[in-house]
Protein backbone atom coordinates (compact mmCIF):
# COMPACT_ATOMS: atom_id res chain seq x y z
CA MET A 1 -6.24 -13.06 22.89
CA THR A 2 -9.59 -14.80 22.43
CA ILE A 3 -10.84 -15.83 18.99
CA ASP A 4 -14.52 -16.59 18.42
CA PRO A 5 -14.98 -20.37 17.86
CA ARG A 6 -16.96 -19.62 14.71
CA ILE A 7 -13.95 -17.78 13.30
CA LEU A 8 -11.61 -20.61 14.29
CA ALA A 9 -13.93 -23.03 12.50
CA LEU A 10 -13.67 -21.23 9.17
CA THR A 11 -9.94 -20.48 9.42
CA PRO A 12 -8.75 -23.71 7.70
CA ASP A 13 -10.85 -22.92 4.63
CA ILE A 14 -9.59 -19.35 4.57
CA THR A 15 -5.98 -20.55 4.92
CA SER A 16 -6.50 -22.89 1.97
CA PHE A 17 -7.96 -20.00 -0.03
CA ARG A 18 -4.96 -17.82 0.86
CA ARG A 19 -2.48 -20.43 -0.25
CA ASP A 20 -4.32 -20.94 -3.53
CA ILE A 21 -4.14 -17.28 -4.50
CA HIS A 22 -0.53 -17.18 -3.27
CA ALA A 23 0.24 -19.92 -5.77
CA HIS A 24 -1.45 -17.93 -8.55
CA PRO A 25 -0.24 -14.33 -8.11
CA GLU A 26 -1.48 -11.56 -10.38
CA ILE A 27 0.05 -8.09 -10.53
CA ARG A 28 -1.76 -4.78 -10.86
CA TYR A 29 -4.94 -4.80 -12.94
CA GLU A 30 -4.32 -8.43 -13.92
CA GLU A 31 -6.18 -9.84 -10.90
CA VAL A 32 -8.78 -11.61 -13.04
CA ARG A 33 -8.51 -15.05 -11.45
CA THR A 34 -8.18 -13.65 -7.94
CA ALA A 35 -11.20 -11.36 -8.40
CA ALA A 36 -13.27 -14.23 -9.79
CA ARG A 37 -12.38 -16.44 -6.81
CA VAL A 38 -13.24 -13.65 -4.36
CA ALA A 39 -16.57 -12.92 -6.04
CA GLU A 40 -17.44 -16.61 -6.11
CA ALA A 41 -16.61 -16.99 -2.41
CA LEU A 42 -18.66 -13.91 -1.47
CA ARG A 43 -21.70 -15.21 -3.31
CA ALA A 44 -21.28 -18.64 -1.71
CA ALA A 45 -21.16 -16.96 1.70
CA GLY A 46 -24.52 -15.28 1.13
CA VAL A 47 -23.24 -11.73 0.74
CA ASP A 48 -26.24 -9.67 -0.37
CA GLN A 49 -24.70 -7.86 -3.33
CA VAL A 50 -21.48 -8.54 -5.20
CA TYR A 51 -20.07 -6.10 -7.73
CA THR A 52 -17.16 -6.95 -10.04
CA GLY A 53 -15.08 -4.85 -12.39
CA VAL A 54 -14.95 -1.92 -9.97
CA GLY A 55 -11.77 -0.01 -10.73
CA LYS A 56 -11.06 -2.46 -13.58
CA THR A 57 -10.56 -5.66 -11.53
CA GLY A 58 -11.85 -4.76 -8.07
CA VAL A 59 -14.65 -6.55 -6.21
CA VAL A 60 -17.14 -5.04 -3.77
CA GLY A 61 -19.50 -6.95 -1.47
CA VAL A 62 -22.40 -5.46 0.48
CA ILE A 63 -23.63 -7.15 3.66
CA GLU A 64 -26.82 -5.95 5.32
CA GLY A 65 -27.06 -6.14 9.09
CA ARG A 66 -29.92 -7.68 11.03
CA LYS A 67 -31.20 -4.12 11.39
CA SER A 68 -30.67 -0.95 9.34
CA GLY A 69 -31.92 1.75 11.68
CA SER A 70 -28.48 3.23 12.30
CA GLY A 71 -28.16 4.24 8.66
CA LYS A 72 -24.40 3.78 8.95
CA VAL A 73 -22.19 2.24 6.29
CA VAL A 74 -18.70 0.96 7.15
CA GLY A 75 -16.10 0.13 4.52
CA LEU A 76 -13.41 -2.51 5.09
CA ARG A 77 -10.63 -2.68 2.52
CA ALA A 78 -8.09 -5.32 1.46
CA ASP A 79 -5.71 -5.29 -1.52
CA MET A 80 -5.37 -8.22 -3.92
CA ASP A 81 -2.35 -7.66 -6.18
CA ALA A 82 1.05 -9.33 -6.17
CA LEU A 83 4.51 -8.04 -7.14
CA PRO A 84 6.88 -8.67 -10.07
CA ILE A 85 9.34 -10.60 -7.88
CA THR A 86 10.59 -14.18 -8.21
CA GLU A 87 9.85 -16.30 -5.12
CA ILE A 88 12.96 -18.19 -3.98
CA ILE A 89 11.67 -20.39 -1.14
CA ASP A 90 10.04 -23.74 -1.96
CA ARG A 91 6.68 -24.17 -0.26
CA PRO A 92 3.71 -26.34 -1.30
CA TRP A 93 1.91 -23.11 -2.20
CA LYS A 94 4.88 -21.42 -3.92
CA SER A 95 4.09 -19.15 -6.85
CA THR A 96 3.46 -21.06 -10.07
CA THR A 97 3.86 -17.90 -12.16
CA PRO A 98 7.49 -17.08 -13.03
CA GLY A 99 8.57 -13.61 -11.96
CA LYS A 100 5.49 -12.91 -9.83
CA MET A 101 4.76 -13.53 -6.16
CA HIS A 102 2.74 -12.29 -3.20
CA ALA A 103 5.71 -10.63 -1.52
CA CYS A 104 3.64 -8.10 0.45
CA GLY A 105 0.95 -10.29 1.99
CA HIS A 106 -1.98 -9.06 -0.07
CA ASP A 107 -3.05 -12.68 -0.38
CA GLY A 108 -3.41 -12.68 3.42
CA HIS A 109 -5.23 -9.34 3.48
CA THR A 110 -7.71 -10.60 0.89
CA SER A 111 -8.26 -13.85 2.76
CA MET A 112 -8.77 -12.22 6.17
CA LEU A 113 -11.38 -9.86 4.75
CA LEU A 114 -13.08 -12.75 2.96
CA GLY A 115 -13.18 -14.63 6.28
CA ALA A 116 -14.72 -11.59 7.94
CA ALA A 117 -17.31 -11.35 5.16
CA ARG A 118 -18.25 -15.00 5.67
CA TYR A 119 -18.61 -14.48 9.41
CA LEU A 120 -20.62 -11.26 9.08
CA ALA A 121 -22.92 -12.69 6.40
CA ALA A 122 -23.63 -15.67 8.64
CA THR A 123 -24.17 -13.77 11.92
CA ARG A 124 -25.40 -10.31 10.82
CA ALA A 125 -25.13 -9.15 14.43
CA PHE A 126 -24.94 -5.49 13.52
CA ASP A 127 -27.20 -2.54 12.71
CA GLY A 128 -26.30 -0.99 9.38
CA ARG A 129 -24.39 -2.02 6.29
CA VAL A 130 -20.86 -3.28 5.67
CA VAL A 131 -19.07 -2.80 2.37
CA VAL A 132 -16.13 -5.18 1.89
CA ILE A 133 -13.66 -3.77 -0.64
CA PHE A 134 -11.23 -6.01 -2.52
CA GLN A 135 -8.94 -3.59 -4.29
CA PRO A 136 -6.63 -4.17 -7.26
CA ALA A 137 -3.33 -2.52 -8.08
CA GLU A 138 -2.15 -1.15 -4.77
CA GLU A 139 1.45 -1.69 -5.85
CA GLY A 140 1.93 1.40 -7.98
CA GLY A 141 -1.34 1.26 -9.91
CA ALA A 142 -3.51 3.47 -7.68
CA GLY A 143 -6.29 0.90 -7.62
CA ALA A 144 -7.96 2.73 -4.73
CA ARG A 145 -8.32 5.84 -6.87
CA ALA A 146 -9.67 3.75 -9.76
CA MET A 147 -12.36 2.24 -7.51
CA ILE A 148 -13.28 5.69 -6.19
CA GLU A 149 -13.62 6.98 -9.75
CA ASP A 150 -15.95 4.04 -10.44
CA GLY A 151 -18.27 5.23 -7.66
CA LEU A 152 -17.14 3.18 -4.67
CA PHE A 153 -17.97 5.89 -2.13
CA SER A 154 -20.66 7.81 -3.99
CA GLN A 155 -22.71 4.69 -4.75
CA HIS A 156 -22.40 2.98 -1.38
CA GLY A 157 -22.47 5.97 0.97
CA ILE A 158 -19.55 4.79 3.10
CA ASN A 159 -19.36 6.80 6.34
CA ARG A 160 -16.07 5.44 7.71
CA VAL A 161 -13.41 3.28 6.09
CA PHE A 162 -10.73 1.06 7.63
CA GLY A 163 -7.66 -0.69 6.25
CA MET A 164 -5.10 -3.15 7.61
CA HIS A 165 -1.62 -4.29 6.58
CA ASN A 166 0.58 -7.03 7.99
CA MET A 167 3.92 -6.03 9.57
CA PRO A 168 6.86 -8.47 9.69
CA GLY A 169 8.87 -8.23 12.90
CA LEU A 170 5.83 -7.36 15.01
CA PRO A 171 4.51 -10.40 16.93
CA VAL A 172 1.20 -11.93 15.87
CA GLY A 173 -1.56 -10.49 18.06
CA HIS A 174 0.14 -7.08 18.29
CA PHE A 175 -1.05 -4.00 16.40
CA ASN A 176 0.56 -0.66 15.54
CA ILE A 177 -1.40 2.51 14.86
CA ARG A 178 -1.13 6.27 15.33
CA PRO A 179 -3.35 9.30 14.65
CA GLY A 180 -2.36 11.64 11.83
CA PRO A 181 0.27 10.67 9.22
CA ILE A 182 1.18 6.98 9.48
CA MET A 183 2.60 6.37 5.99
CA ALA A 184 4.38 8.75 3.64
CA ALA A 185 3.44 10.35 0.36
CA ALA A 186 5.37 8.88 -2.56
CA ASP A 187 6.62 11.07 -5.41
CA PHE A 188 8.77 9.97 -8.35
CA VAL A 189 11.56 11.92 -10.02
CA SER A 190 13.16 11.53 -13.43
CA ILE A 191 16.07 13.76 -14.47
CA GLU A 192 17.26 13.81 -18.08
CA ILE A 193 20.74 15.29 -18.54
CA GLU A 194 22.18 16.37 -21.87
CA GLY A 195 25.87 17.15 -22.11
CA LYS A 196 28.11 16.81 -25.16
CA GLY A 197 29.47 13.51 -26.30
CA SER A 198 33.15 13.02 -27.11
CA HIS A 199 35.90 10.45 -27.38
CA ALA A 200 36.90 9.20 -23.93
CA ALA A 201 40.53 10.11 -24.72
CA ARG A 202 39.52 13.73 -25.30
CA PRO A 203 36.97 14.54 -22.55
CA ASN A 204 37.92 18.21 -22.75
CA GLN A 205 36.08 18.35 -26.06
CA GLY A 206 32.81 17.24 -24.50
CA ILE A 207 30.57 17.75 -21.49
CA ASP A 208 30.47 14.53 -19.52
CA SER A 209 26.88 13.68 -18.60
CA VAL A 210 28.15 11.04 -16.14
CA VAL A 211 30.12 13.59 -14.15
CA VAL A 212 27.20 16.01 -14.27
CA GLY A 213 24.82 13.31 -13.08
CA ALA A 214 27.14 12.35 -10.23
CA HIS A 215 27.26 15.97 -9.05
CA VAL A 216 23.47 16.25 -9.31
CA ILE A 217 22.95 13.12 -7.20
CA THR A 218 25.40 14.31 -4.58
CA ALA A 219 23.83 17.77 -4.43
CA LEU A 220 20.34 16.32 -4.04
CA GLN A 221 21.46 14.73 -0.79
CA SER A 222 21.69 18.21 0.73
CA ILE A 223 17.92 18.66 0.51
CA VAL A 224 16.98 16.69 3.60
CA ALA A 225 20.04 17.87 5.53
CA ARG A 226 19.75 21.57 4.65
CA ASN A 227 16.23 22.31 3.33
CA VAL A 228 13.97 20.29 5.65
CA ASP A 229 13.35 21.18 9.29
CA PRO A 230 15.27 18.66 11.44
CA MET A 231 12.03 17.96 13.31
CA GLU A 232 10.29 16.92 10.08
CA SER A 233 10.82 13.81 7.94
CA ALA A 234 11.75 13.38 4.29
CA VAL A 235 13.65 10.90 2.13
CA VAL A 236 15.26 11.62 -1.24
CA SER A 237 16.59 8.46 -2.90
CA MET A 238 17.99 8.42 -6.43
CA CYS A 239 17.83 4.74 -7.31
CA GLN A 240 18.73 4.55 -11.01
CA PHE A 241 21.53 6.09 -13.08
CA HIS A 242 21.78 5.18 -16.77
CA ALA A 243 24.39 6.58 -19.17
CA GLY A 244 26.62 5.48 -21.99
CA GLU A 245 26.89 2.58 -24.37
CA ALA A 246 30.64 2.09 -24.72
CA ASP A 247 33.76 2.10 -22.55
CA ASN A 248 35.55 4.64 -24.70
CA VAL A 249 32.81 7.21 -25.30
CA VAL A 250 31.86 10.14 -23.06
CA PRO A 251 28.05 9.90 -23.25
CA GLN A 252 25.97 12.88 -24.27
CA PHE A 253 22.92 11.76 -22.32
CA ALA A 254 22.27 10.42 -18.81
CA ARG A 255 19.13 9.62 -16.91
CA ILE A 256 18.61 9.60 -13.14
CA SER A 257 15.43 8.48 -11.39
CA GLY A 258 14.27 7.92 -7.86
CA THR A 259 11.68 8.65 -5.23
CA VAL A 260 10.83 11.26 -2.62
CA ARG A 261 8.92 10.44 0.59
CA THR A 262 7.30 13.04 2.86
CA PHE A 263 4.48 13.26 5.39
CA LYS A 264 3.34 16.90 5.22
CA PRO A 265 2.21 18.92 2.17
CA ASP A 266 4.46 21.90 2.98
CA VAL A 267 7.53 19.65 3.22
CA GLN A 268 6.48 17.94 -0.02
CA GLU A 269 6.27 21.33 -1.77
CA ARG A 270 9.66 22.41 -0.45
CA VAL A 271 11.40 19.19 -1.49
CA GLU A 272 9.89 19.23 -4.97
CA ALA A 273 11.03 22.82 -5.53
CA ALA A 274 14.52 21.99 -4.24
CA VAL A 275 14.88 18.92 -6.49
CA LYS A 276 14.02 20.94 -9.58
CA SER A 277 16.20 23.89 -8.64
CA ILE A 278 19.28 21.88 -7.65
CA ALA A 279 19.18 19.54 -10.64
CA THR A 280 18.84 22.28 -13.22
CA SER A 281 21.32 24.65 -11.52
CA VAL A 282 24.06 22.07 -10.96
CA ALA A 283 23.77 20.82 -14.54
CA SER A 284 23.83 24.36 -15.89
CA GLY A 285 26.89 25.23 -13.82
CA LEU A 286 28.73 22.32 -15.45
CA GLY A 287 27.65 23.29 -18.95
CA ALA A 288 24.86 20.73 -19.36
CA VAL A 289 21.08 20.91 -19.42
CA ALA A 290 18.83 19.02 -16.99
CA SER A 291 15.11 18.43 -17.50
CA VAL A 292 13.19 17.32 -14.40
CA THR A 293 9.94 15.36 -14.42
CA TYR A 294 8.38 15.25 -10.95
CA ARG A 295 5.31 13.02 -10.56
CA ARG A 296 3.22 12.90 -7.42
CA SER A 297 1.88 9.42 -6.82
CA TYR A 298 0.22 8.45 -3.52
CA PRO A 299 -0.60 11.06 -0.85
CA ALA A 300 0.36 10.43 2.74
CA VAL A 301 -1.89 8.08 4.72
CA VAL A 302 -3.41 10.33 7.39
CA ASN A 303 -5.48 8.61 10.08
CA ASP A 304 -8.51 10.41 11.47
CA PRO A 305 -7.93 10.86 15.24
CA VAL A 306 -11.42 9.71 16.28
CA ALA A 307 -11.40 6.69 13.95
CA THR A 308 -7.86 5.87 15.09
CA ASP A 309 -8.86 5.86 18.74
CA PHE A 310 -11.77 3.57 17.87
CA ALA A 311 -9.61 1.18 15.82
CA ALA A 312 -7.03 1.07 18.61
CA SER A 313 -9.74 0.15 21.13
CA ILE A 314 -10.79 -2.75 18.89
CA ALA A 315 -7.19 -3.92 18.52
CA ALA A 316 -6.80 -3.82 22.31
CA ARG A 317 -9.78 -6.17 22.63
CA VAL A 318 -8.30 -8.61 20.12
CA GLY A 319 -4.66 -8.43 21.25
CA SER A 320 -2.28 -5.66 22.27
CA VAL A 321 -1.80 -2.29 20.57
CA ASN A 322 0.75 0.48 20.38
CA ARG A 323 -1.37 3.62 19.93
CA ASP A 324 1.61 5.86 19.17
CA ALA A 325 3.65 3.68 16.84
CA PRO A 326 6.23 5.40 14.65
CA ALA A 327 5.13 6.37 11.16
CA VAL A 328 6.78 4.54 8.27
CA MET A 329 8.21 6.00 5.05
CA GLY A 330 6.49 3.43 2.85
CA SER A 331 3.39 4.53 0.94
CA GLU A 332 -0.13 3.16 0.48
CA ASP A 333 -2.95 4.13 -1.84
CA PHE A 334 -5.46 3.62 0.99
CA SER A 335 -4.65 7.32 1.40
CA PHE A 336 -7.08 8.06 -1.45
CA MET A 337 -9.91 6.40 0.48
CA LEU A 338 -9.14 8.44 3.58
CA HIS A 339 -9.70 11.53 1.43
CA GLN A 340 -13.25 10.30 0.82
CA ALA A 341 -14.27 9.37 4.37
CA PRO A 342 -12.67 9.44 7.83
CA GLY A 343 -11.04 6.22 8.88
CA ALA A 344 -7.87 4.54 10.05
CA PHE A 345 -5.12 2.27 8.77
CA ILE A 346 -3.58 -0.24 11.18
CA PHE A 347 -0.61 -2.63 11.10
CA ALA A 348 -1.05 -6.20 12.36
CA GLY A 349 1.94 -8.27 13.47
CA ASN A 350 3.10 -10.92 11.00
CA GLY A 351 5.67 -12.42 13.35
CA ASP A 352 9.26 -13.31 12.53
CA THR A 353 9.12 -13.45 8.74
CA ALA A 354 11.13 -12.00 5.88
CA SER A 355 10.47 -8.33 5.22
CA LEU A 356 7.87 -7.05 2.81
CA HIS A 357 8.87 -7.11 -0.88
CA HIS A 358 11.54 -9.73 -0.15
CA PRO A 359 11.71 -12.89 -2.34
CA GLU A 360 11.60 -15.10 0.78
CA TYR A 361 8.53 -13.40 2.29
CA ASP A 362 5.34 -15.29 3.10
CA PHE A 363 2.21 -14.23 4.93
CA ASN A 364 1.96 -15.83 8.37
CA ASP A 365 -1.23 -17.92 8.50
CA ASP A 366 -1.31 -17.55 12.29
CA LEU A 367 -2.42 -13.97 11.65
CA THR A 368 -5.52 -15.06 9.72
CA PRO A 369 -7.94 -15.65 12.66
CA VAL A 370 -6.57 -12.55 14.43
CA GLY A 371 -7.31 -10.37 11.41
CA ILE A 372 -10.79 -11.86 10.94
CA GLN A 373 -11.54 -11.27 14.62
CA TYR A 374 -10.37 -7.65 14.34
CA TRP A 375 -12.70 -6.98 11.41
CA ALA A 376 -15.66 -8.74 13.02
CA THR A 377 -15.21 -6.97 16.35
CA LEU A 378 -14.82 -3.61 14.61
CA VAL A 379 -18.11 -4.00 12.73
CA GLU A 380 -20.12 -5.29 15.68
CA THR A 381 -18.81 -2.45 17.85
CA GLU A 382 -19.21 0.30 15.28
CA LEU A 383 -22.71 -0.88 14.32
CA PRO A 384 -24.12 -2.33 17.56
CA LEU A 385 -27.51 -3.99 17.69
CA ALA A 386 -29.87 -2.39 20.18
CA ALA A 387 -30.52 -4.53 23.24
């Protein structure tokens, strides 16, 4: 793995930037300080145009190449938001905001793309235009969709778009990618159950919403086992169950909520229909009524085969790459951008760190120059200057 000396030279500054925004985390659509720091750094780097307030708190930078004859526009995206998690490991750059931390490495994603923007603005060794996208609210806020609705693609004419996410457990310098679905669609389910309240000593006079809810949860587990083709993938996880206010009262109401993960639209349709049918039927059979709210959130991340092959070739030049890595059941709103233009999402090794969304997690700064090199090499290869 060879890193350009110019990238190595700017890495200490980028690491310092990363640790600063790690210490000041902001969750979805609150990224005011982070966005201001990014915009300031882009302007200081000589980026040609800087747009703020895109998708509420997003930032977009436009860098013109030494030539523009290709007419191509490449988008590079990083997310900026943190999570509502309390950091439990003391570091000099530990979160200073109670209950919030960068537990997914978006501080590192932002910093690597900023480093790439600095390098590209200084060298401009490409023919075309690069749009660097600093997105808010990836964690459940659909910030990608908000930026699209604010004209991200229509105003900048992006031809291909690329994203990157760190992956704990994968060594630094290693990349994972695959064509087609690489991350799952995320849907959310809420089931409201109404039974009939009664004294706990006389349950025969009521309809126990707790028992009904327990049967509903158990029955939902049959969906993946008996409604989804064994060669396909799906996850149904009911993660919350709320009922009752006293130890001696059979509650009239209960609420269950959770998530469904799928890769393919037909599987998604089948699982949604099964959730609704099973919940209402089981509750009805036990004398209760169930009302199901099913909300589709992020679509599956589906990599374009041609763009994936290109991204993999870049990763192979920077380090090593698994071109047929297993898909993961997590979700990502970069999927919305891939509906606007062909592109690819890649995972970059974060080394032996705590897992994503864990209170001990921290982005591995050894990944910073690797990520910057990946972005720089991708642009200079996608938009080559004529000899």
